[in-house]
């Protein structure tokens, strides 16, 4: 007898659940609720009470709301549960469970291990290079990176997010962007130090001059991730979510925590020097802008050649999601590695993915 259920608001403006009855049943339901004012109305699904009973406060016409007894109304999860129950119960046909299958992680175990190893080795490589080349500054960068990862992990845990392989890729990319932001600050810091500025002044100017570049790089990446989240599905959205939160925590950890840490060390005179490695000589002067036209023309040529090569390859560059084809689900008698399954399937169907 339910025509629709949606998120609505009560008379106080708090989140509530809106319900609309079918036209041919609304009058009967309204008369029944008028006769039972003050009584409890419960939602029963599959013979069980699905939610806590609600009190009938008035005659319920064709449309009405279910409101919470709390001053702030229902939270999003409660509203989602209500809508799921009401919409499921309004189906004309009741589903009957015929078969239940639980999928274990055995086939994806190798992928999980590979992804975790990639993240671990990426972390080690970033830390070693940063400490070796940027010295005390690298130690500050690693500290910022640790704070960044802790904040990101806390956000994901608070949201109850599940880490997937694309999510791990987002974490690795976040680490790279966080270190990149630190490096922008360090190189500006180097320039100010070369001009014989004091440590405190060099740190101040280094952060001030690096902020526009850091914000430009991170905002454009955030916009790209947001578009992926809005238009993508499944794993793509997971990657985008981790990347968006990672960008936010990276900017905060570098521009707020990093600068605060520098000022803390300078105030206590624990930072005698900001010296760092140097691959290019101090007095090197390269006229990059004089080659701007040549670089632009070369970039256009490379883009055109790349696009031409992509389209010339045709279907070889596209996967099953774009080309269509067949998928098969195989039930194994014993746990088997993904590599063994891929090898067995590939021997029968060349080019198949497992």
Protein backbone atom coordinates (compact mmCIF):
# COMPACT_ATOMS: atom_id res chain seq x y z
CA UNK A 1 0.00 0.00 0.00
CA UNK A 2 3.08 2.29 0.05
CA UNK A 3 3.55 4.46 -3.04
CA UNK A 4 6.93 5.96 -2.09
CA UNK A 5 9.31 6.65 0.77
CA UNK A 6 11.87 9.44 0.86
CA UNK A 7 13.95 11.59 3.18
CA UNK A 8 11.94 14.50 4.54
CA UNK A 9 11.78 16.89 7.51
CA UNK A 10 9.46 17.14 10.51
CA UNK A 11 7.69 20.27 11.79
CA UNK A 12 10.90 21.32 13.55
CA UNK A 13 12.98 21.06 10.38
CA UNK A 14 14.86 17.97 11.57
CA UNK A 15 15.59 14.97 9.30
CA UNK A 16 12.64 12.58 9.11
CA UNK A 17 11.20 9.88 6.83
CA UNK A 18 8.40 10.84 4.45
CA UNK A 19 5.88 8.19 3.36
CA UNK A 20 3.18 8.43 0.68
CA UNK A 21 0.27 5.94 0.52
CA UNK A 22 -1.29 4.73 -2.70
CA UNK A 23 -4.33 6.76 -3.66
CA UNK A 24 -6.79 3.86 -3.42
CA UNK A 25 -5.64 3.01 0.13
CA UNK A 26 -4.94 6.42 1.69
CA UNK A 27 -8.51 7.11 2.87
CA UNK A 28 -8.82 3.74 4.64
CA UNK A 29 -5.42 4.21 6.28
CA UNK A 30 -6.35 7.75 7.37
CA UNK A 31 -9.59 6.53 9.01
CA UNK A 32 -7.75 3.72 10.75
CA UNK A 33 -5.04 6.03 12.17
CA UNK A 34 -7.69 8.49 13.38
CA UNK A 35 -9.34 5.69 15.35
CA UNK A 36 -6.00 4.69 16.87
CA UNK A 37 -4.48 8.02 17.91
CA UNK A 38 -2.02 7.56 20.75
CA UNK A 39 -1.48 3.90 19.89
CA UNK A 40 1.81 2.44 18.69
CA UNK A 41 2.39 1.73 14.99
CA UNK A 42 5.15 -0.73 14.12
CA UNK A 43 6.82 -1.77 10.88
CA UNK A 44 6.77 -5.56 10.51
CA UNK A 45 8.88 -7.19 7.80
CA UNK A 46 9.01 -10.96 7.29
CA UNK A 47 7.13 -11.52 10.55
CA UNK A 48 9.57 -9.49 12.65
CA UNK A 49 9.47 -5.96 14.04
CA UNK A 50 11.90 -4.05 11.84
CA UNK A 51 12.16 -0.79 13.80
CA UNK A 52 11.06 0.62 17.16
CA UNK A 53 7.31 1.41 17.28
CA UNK A 54 6.18 4.97 16.63
CA UNK A 55 3.23 6.76 18.23
CA UNK A 56 0.32 7.80 16.02
CA UNK A 57 -0.05 11.49 16.83
CA UNK A 58 -2.67 12.50 14.29
CA UNK A 59 -4.84 11.39 11.39
CA UNK A 60 -2.41 10.30 8.69
CA UNK A 61 -3.63 11.35 5.27
CA UNK A 62 -2.09 10.35 1.95
CA UNK A 63 1.37 11.61 3.00
CA UNK A 64 2.91 11.70 6.47
CA UNK A 65 6.30 11.68 8.20
CA UNK A 66 7.94 9.39 10.73
CA UNK A 67 9.93 11.59 13.08
CA UNK A 68 12.49 10.84 15.76
CA UNK A 69 12.02 11.49 19.43
CA UNK A 70 15.49 13.03 19.59
CA UNK A 71 15.82 16.84 19.35
CA UNK A 72 18.13 16.49 16.34
CA UNK A 73 15.97 14.01 14.41
CA UNK A 74 17.16 10.87 12.66
CA UNK A 75 20.78 10.48 11.61
CA UNK A 76 21.59 9.53 7.96
CA UNK A 77 22.09 5.84 8.80
CA UNK A 78 18.68 5.59 10.52
CA UNK A 79 16.95 7.25 7.59
CA UNK A 80 18.70 4.89 5.17
CA UNK A 81 17.56 1.88 7.22
CA UNK A 82 13.96 3.12 7.34
CA UNK A 83 13.87 3.73 3.59
CA UNK A 84 15.36 0.31 2.84
CA UNK A 85 12.83 -1.47 5.08
CA UNK A 86 9.79 0.44 3.82
CA UNK A 87 10.75 0.07 0.16
CA UNK A 88 11.52 -3.63 0.59
CA UNK A 89 8.23 -4.24 2.36
CA UNK A 90 6.28 -2.47 -0.37
CA UNK A 91 7.37 -4.96 -3.05
CA UNK A 92 4.55 -6.99 -4.55
CA UNK A 93 6.69 -10.13 -4.55
CA UNK A 94 8.55 -11.30 -1.48
CA UNK A 95 12.05 -12.61 -2.29
CA UNK A 96 12.89 -16.09 -1.04
CA UNK A 97 16.47 -17.05 -0.27
CA UNK A 98 17.38 -20.08 -2.38
CA UNK A 99 21.17 -20.01 -2.20
CA UNK A 100 23.79 -18.22 -0.12
CA UNK A 101 27.47 -18.09 -1.03
CA UNK A 102 30.34 -16.57 0.96
CA UNK A 103 33.38 -15.37 -0.96
CA UNK A 104 36.70 -15.57 0.87
CA UNK A 105 39.86 -13.55 0.19
CA UNK A 106 41.99 -16.52 -0.91
CA UNK A 107 41.97 -15.64 -4.62
CA UNK A 108 42.81 -12.01 -3.94
CA UNK A 109 45.43 -12.75 -1.31
CA UNK A 110 48.32 -12.36 -3.74
CA UNK A 111 46.93 -9.02 -4.96
CA UNK A 112 46.55 -7.82 -1.38
CA UNK A 113 50.12 -8.80 -0.55
CA UNK A 114 51.44 -7.18 -3.73
CA UNK A 115 49.57 -3.97 -2.98
CA UNK A 116 50.77 -3.83 0.61
CA UNK A 117 54.36 -4.54 -0.46
CA UNK A 118 54.16 -1.77 -3.05
CA UNK A 119 52.96 0.67 -0.40
CA UNK A 120 55.67 -0.44 2.04
CA UNK A 121 58.54 -0.18 -0.47
CA UNK A 122 57.24 3.17 -1.69
CA UNK A 123 57.27 4.44 1.91
CA UNK A 124 60.80 3.17 2.53
CA UNK A 125 62.12 4.66 -0.72
CA UNK A 126 60.54 8.05 -0.01
CA UNK A 127 61.86 8.15 3.56
CA UNK A 128 65.42 7.12 2.60
CA UNK A 129 65.70 9.65 -0.22
CA UNK A 130 64.22 12.46 1.85
CA UNK A 131 66.48 11.85 4.83
CA UNK A 132 69.61 11.40 2.68
CA UNK A 133 69.15 14.46 0.47
CA UNK A 134 67.33 16.97 2.69
CA UNK A 135 68.90 15.93 6.04
CA UNK A 136 67.24 17.72 8.99
CA UNK A 137 64.58 19.07 6.64
CA UNK A 138 63.96 15.52 5.49
CA UNK A 139 63.40 14.47 9.10
CA UNK A 140 60.77 17.20 9.43
CA UNK A 141 59.19 16.04 6.17
CA UNK A 142 59.04 12.43 7.39
CA UNK A 143 57.42 13.62 10.62
CA UNK A 144 54.83 15.55 8.59
CA UNK A 145 54.25 12.45 6.47
CA UNK A 146 53.67 10.33 9.59
CA UNK A 147 51.16 12.88 10.92
CA UNK A 148 49.52 12.95 7.49
CA UNK A 149 49.10 9.17 7.40
CA UNK A 150 47.75 9.12 10.97
CA UNK A 151 45.14 11.77 10.15
CA UNK A 152 44.15 10.01 6.95
CA UNK A 153 43.88 6.65 8.72
CA UNK A 154 41.78 8.27 11.44
CA UNK A 155 39.38 9.78 8.90
CA UNK A 156 38.98 6.48 7.05
CA UNK A 157 38.40 4.60 10.32
CA UNK A 158 35.86 7.20 11.47
CA UNK A 159 33.96 6.82 8.20
CA UNK A 160 34.15 3.02 8.39
CA UNK A 161 35.84 2.89 4.98
CA UNK A 162 37.13 -0.41 3.60
CA UNK A 163 40.62 -0.32 2.08
CA UNK A 164 40.77 -1.81 -1.43
CA UNK A 165 43.62 -2.10 -3.92
CA UNK A 166 42.63 1.21 -5.58
CA UNK A 167 42.52 2.67 -2.06
CA UNK A 168 46.09 1.53 -1.45
CA UNK A 169 47.04 3.22 -4.73
CA UNK A 170 45.43 6.39 -3.41
CA UNK A 171 47.48 6.12 -0.21
CA UNK A 172 50.73 5.73 -2.15
CA UNK A 173 49.87 8.72 -4.36
CA UNK A 174 49.03 10.73 -1.24
CA UNK A 175 52.47 10.00 0.17
CA UNK A 176 54.13 11.19 -3.03
CA UNK A 177 52.11 14.41 -3.12
CA UNK A 178 52.81 15.09 0.57
CA UNK A 179 56.56 14.78 0.05
CA UNK A 180 56.30 16.86 -3.12
CA UNK A 181 54.75 19.70 -1.13
CA UNK A 182 57.57 19.51 1.40
CA UNK A 183 60.16 19.58 -1.39
CA UNK A 184 58.60 22.75 -2.82
CA UNK A 185 59.04 24.38 0.58
CA UNK A 186 62.62 23.09 0.91
CA UNK A 187 63.70 24.43 -2.48
CA UNK A 188 62.24 27.83 -1.69
CA UNK A 189 64.00 27.61 1.67
CA UNK A 190 67.25 26.86 -0.14
CA UNK A 191 66.85 29.94 -2.36
CA UNK A 192 66.30 32.21 0.61
CA UNK A 193 69.26 30.69 2.47
CA UNK A 194 71.47 31.26 -0.60
CA UNK A 195 70.53 34.94 -0.37
CA UNK A 196 72.14 34.97 3.12
CA UNK A 197 68.84 35.23 4.93
CA UNK A 198 68.66 33.99 8.52
CA UNK A 199 67.03 30.67 9.31
CA UNK A 200 63.85 32.21 10.72
CA UNK A 201 63.47 34.61 7.78
CA UNK A 202 64.27 31.86 5.26
CA UNK A 203 61.61 29.57 6.74
CA UNK A 204 59.03 32.37 6.73
CA UNK A 205 59.69 33.36 3.11
CA UNK A 206 60.08 29.75 2.00
CA UNK A 207 56.58 28.85 3.14
CA UNK A 208 55.06 32.08 1.84
CA UNK A 209 56.50 31.60 -1.66
CA UNK A 210 55.71 27.87 -1.82
CA UNK A 211 52.04 28.18 -0.78
CA UNK A 212 50.66 29.28 -4.21
CA UNK A 213 52.37 26.39 -6.02
CA UNK A 214 51.30 23.84 -3.38
CA UNK A 215 47.69 24.98 -3.43
CA UNK A 216 47.61 25.09 -7.24
CA UNK A 217 48.89 21.51 -7.58
CA UNK A 218 46.65 20.08 -4.86
CA UNK A 219 43.46 21.92 -5.84
CA UNK A 220 43.68 20.78 -9.46
CA UNK A 221 44.30 17.20 -8.32
CA UNK A 222 41.38 17.45 -5.87
CA UNK A 223 39.07 18.62 -8.67
CA UNK A 224 40.17 15.67 -10.81
CA UNK A 225 39.54 13.26 -7.93
CA UNK A 226 36.12 14.80 -7.31
CA UNK A 227 35.16 14.28 -10.97
CA UNK A 228 36.30 10.65 -10.70
CA UNK A 229 34.15 10.25 -7.59
CA UNK A 230 31.05 11.73 -9.24
CA UNK A 231 31.38 9.88 -12.55
CA UNK A 232 33.19 6.71 -11.52
CA UNK A 233 31.89 3.53 -9.95
CA UNK A 234 33.16 0.99 -7.44
CA UNK A 235 36.97 0.88 -7.25
CA UNK A 236 37.35 4.21 -9.06
CA UNK A 237 35.27 5.97 -6.41
CA UNK A 238 37.27 4.30 -3.65
CA UNK A 239 40.49 5.59 -5.16
CA UNK A 240 39.00 9.09 -5.51
CA UNK A 241 37.76 9.21 -1.90
CA UNK A 242 41.15 8.24 -0.45
CA UNK A 243 42.90 10.71 -2.75
CA UNK A 244 40.59 13.62 -1.83
CA UNK A 245 41.00 13.07 1.90
CA UNK A 246 44.74 12.51 1.36
CA UNK A 247 45.09 15.85 -0.41
CA UNK A 248 43.35 17.66 2.46
CA UNK A 249 45.51 16.01 5.13
CA UNK A 250 48.68 16.57 3.07
CA UNK A 251 48.11 20.31 2.73
CA UNK A 252 47.34 20.59 6.45
CA UNK A 253 50.32 18.51 7.54
CA UNK A 254 52.78 20.55 5.43
CA UNK A 255 51.49 24.12 5.68
CA UNK A 256 50.21 23.99 9.27
CA UNK A 257 51.98 21.22 11.16
CA UNK A 258 55.25 21.52 9.20
CA UNK A 259 55.53 25.27 9.64
CA UNK A 260 54.61 24.99 13.32
CA UNK A 261 57.33 22.38 13.78
CA UNK A 262 59.93 24.64 12.12
CA UNK A 263 58.95 27.59 14.34
CA UNK A 264 59.04 25.37 17.43
CA UNK A 265 62.58 24.21 16.65
CA UNK A 266 63.78 27.73 15.78
CA UNK A 267 62.32 29.24 18.95
CA UNK A 268 64.21 26.74 21.10
CA UNK A 269 67.37 27.07 18.95
CA UNK A 270 67.26 23.37 18.10
CA UNK A 271 67.68 24.07 14.38
CA UNK A 272 71.22 25.37 13.87
CA UNK A 273 71.16 24.85 10.09
CA UNK A 274 68.82 24.03 7.21
CA UNK A 275 71.60 22.79 4.91
CA UNK A 276 70.62 20.13 2.39
CA UNK A 277 72.06 18.24 -0.55
CA UNK A 278 72.68 19.97 -3.86
CA UNK A 279 72.81 18.38 -7.31
CA UNK A 280 72.89 21.66 -9.26
CA UNK A 281 75.59 24.23 -8.63
CA UNK A 282 74.59 27.35 -6.73
CA UNK A 283 75.44 29.82 -9.49
CA UNK A 284 73.88 27.80 -12.33
CA UNK A 285 71.75 29.96 -14.59
CA UNK A 286 69.68 28.25 -17.29
CA UNK A 287 67.42 30.30 -19.54
CA UNK A 288 64.43 27.99 -19.43
CA UNK A 289 61.93 30.62 -20.60
CA UNK A 290 63.96 31.25 -23.76
CA UNK A 291 63.08 27.69 -24.82
CA UNK A 292 59.34 28.12 -24.07
CA UNK A 293 58.21 28.10 -27.71
CA UNK A 294 60.29 25.04 -28.54
CA UNK A 295 58.98 23.21 -25.47
CA UNK A 296 55.37 24.07 -26.36
CA UNK A 297 55.75 22.80 -29.93
CA UNK A 298 57.46 19.61 -28.72
CA UNK A 299 54.67 19.03 -26.17
CA UNK A 300 52.00 19.38 -28.87
CA UNK A 301 53.82 16.91 -31.11
CA UNK A 302 54.17 14.36 -28.29
CA UNK A 303 50.47 14.67 -27.35
CA UNK A 304 49.37 14.19 -30.97
CA UNK A 305 51.68 11.19 -31.45
CA UNK A 306 50.46 9.61 -28.20
CA UNK A 307 46.80 10.03 -29.12
CA UNK A 308 47.44 8.67 -32.60
CA UNK A 309 49.20 5.62 -31.14
CA UNK A 310 46.35 5.04 -28.68
CA UNK A 311 43.65 5.09 -31.37
CA UNK A 312 45.79 3.08 -33.79
CA UNK A 313 46.06 0.26 -31.23
CA UNK A 314 42.27 -0.02 -31.29
CA UNK A 315 40.69 -2.69 -29.13
CA UNK A 316 44.05 -3.90 -27.81
CA UNK A 317 44.04 -1.03 -25.30
CA UNK A 318 40.49 -1.71 -24.03
CA UNK A 319 39.40 -4.18 -21.38
CA UNK A 320 36.30 -6.30 -20.92
CA UNK A 321 34.36 -3.39 -19.43
CA UNK A 322 34.53 -1.55 -22.75
CA UNK A 323 34.54 -4.38 -25.28
CA UNK A 324 32.00 -6.72 -23.66
CA UNK A 325 32.38 -10.46 -23.62
CA UNK A 326 31.77 -13.33 -21.25
CA UNK A 327 32.36 -13.79 -17.54
CA UNK A 328 32.37 -17.11 -15.75
CA UNK A 329 32.18 -17.83 -12.03
CA UNK A 330 34.03 -20.96 -10.96
CA UNK A 331 33.65 -22.68 -7.61
CA UNK A 332 36.87 -24.30 -6.41
CA UNK A 333 37.08 -27.35 -4.16
CA UNK A 334 40.08 -26.00 -2.26
CA UNK A 335 41.75 -22.58 -1.79
CA UNK A 336 43.89 -21.73 -4.81
CA UNK A 337 46.17 -18.80 -5.59
CA UNK A 338 45.10 -16.24 -8.14
CA UNK A 339 48.19 -16.96 -10.24
CA UNK A 340 47.31 -20.65 -10.54
CA UNK A 341 43.75 -19.81 -11.58
CA UNK A 342 44.97 -17.29 -14.15
CA UNK A 343 47.41 -19.82 -15.61
CA UNK A 344 44.76 -22.53 -15.86
CA UNK A 345 42.20 -20.22 -17.45
CA UNK A 346 44.77 -18.73 -19.82
CA UNK A 347 45.73 -22.15 -21.13
CA UNK A 348 42.14 -22.70 -22.30
CA UNK A 349 41.11 -19.12 -23.13
CA UNK A 350 44.15 -17.09 -24.26
CA UNK A 351 43.95 -13.46 -23.16
CA UNK A 352 41.34 -14.13 -20.47
CA UNK A 353 41.60 -12.27 -17.18
CA UNK A 354 41.30 -14.11 -13.84
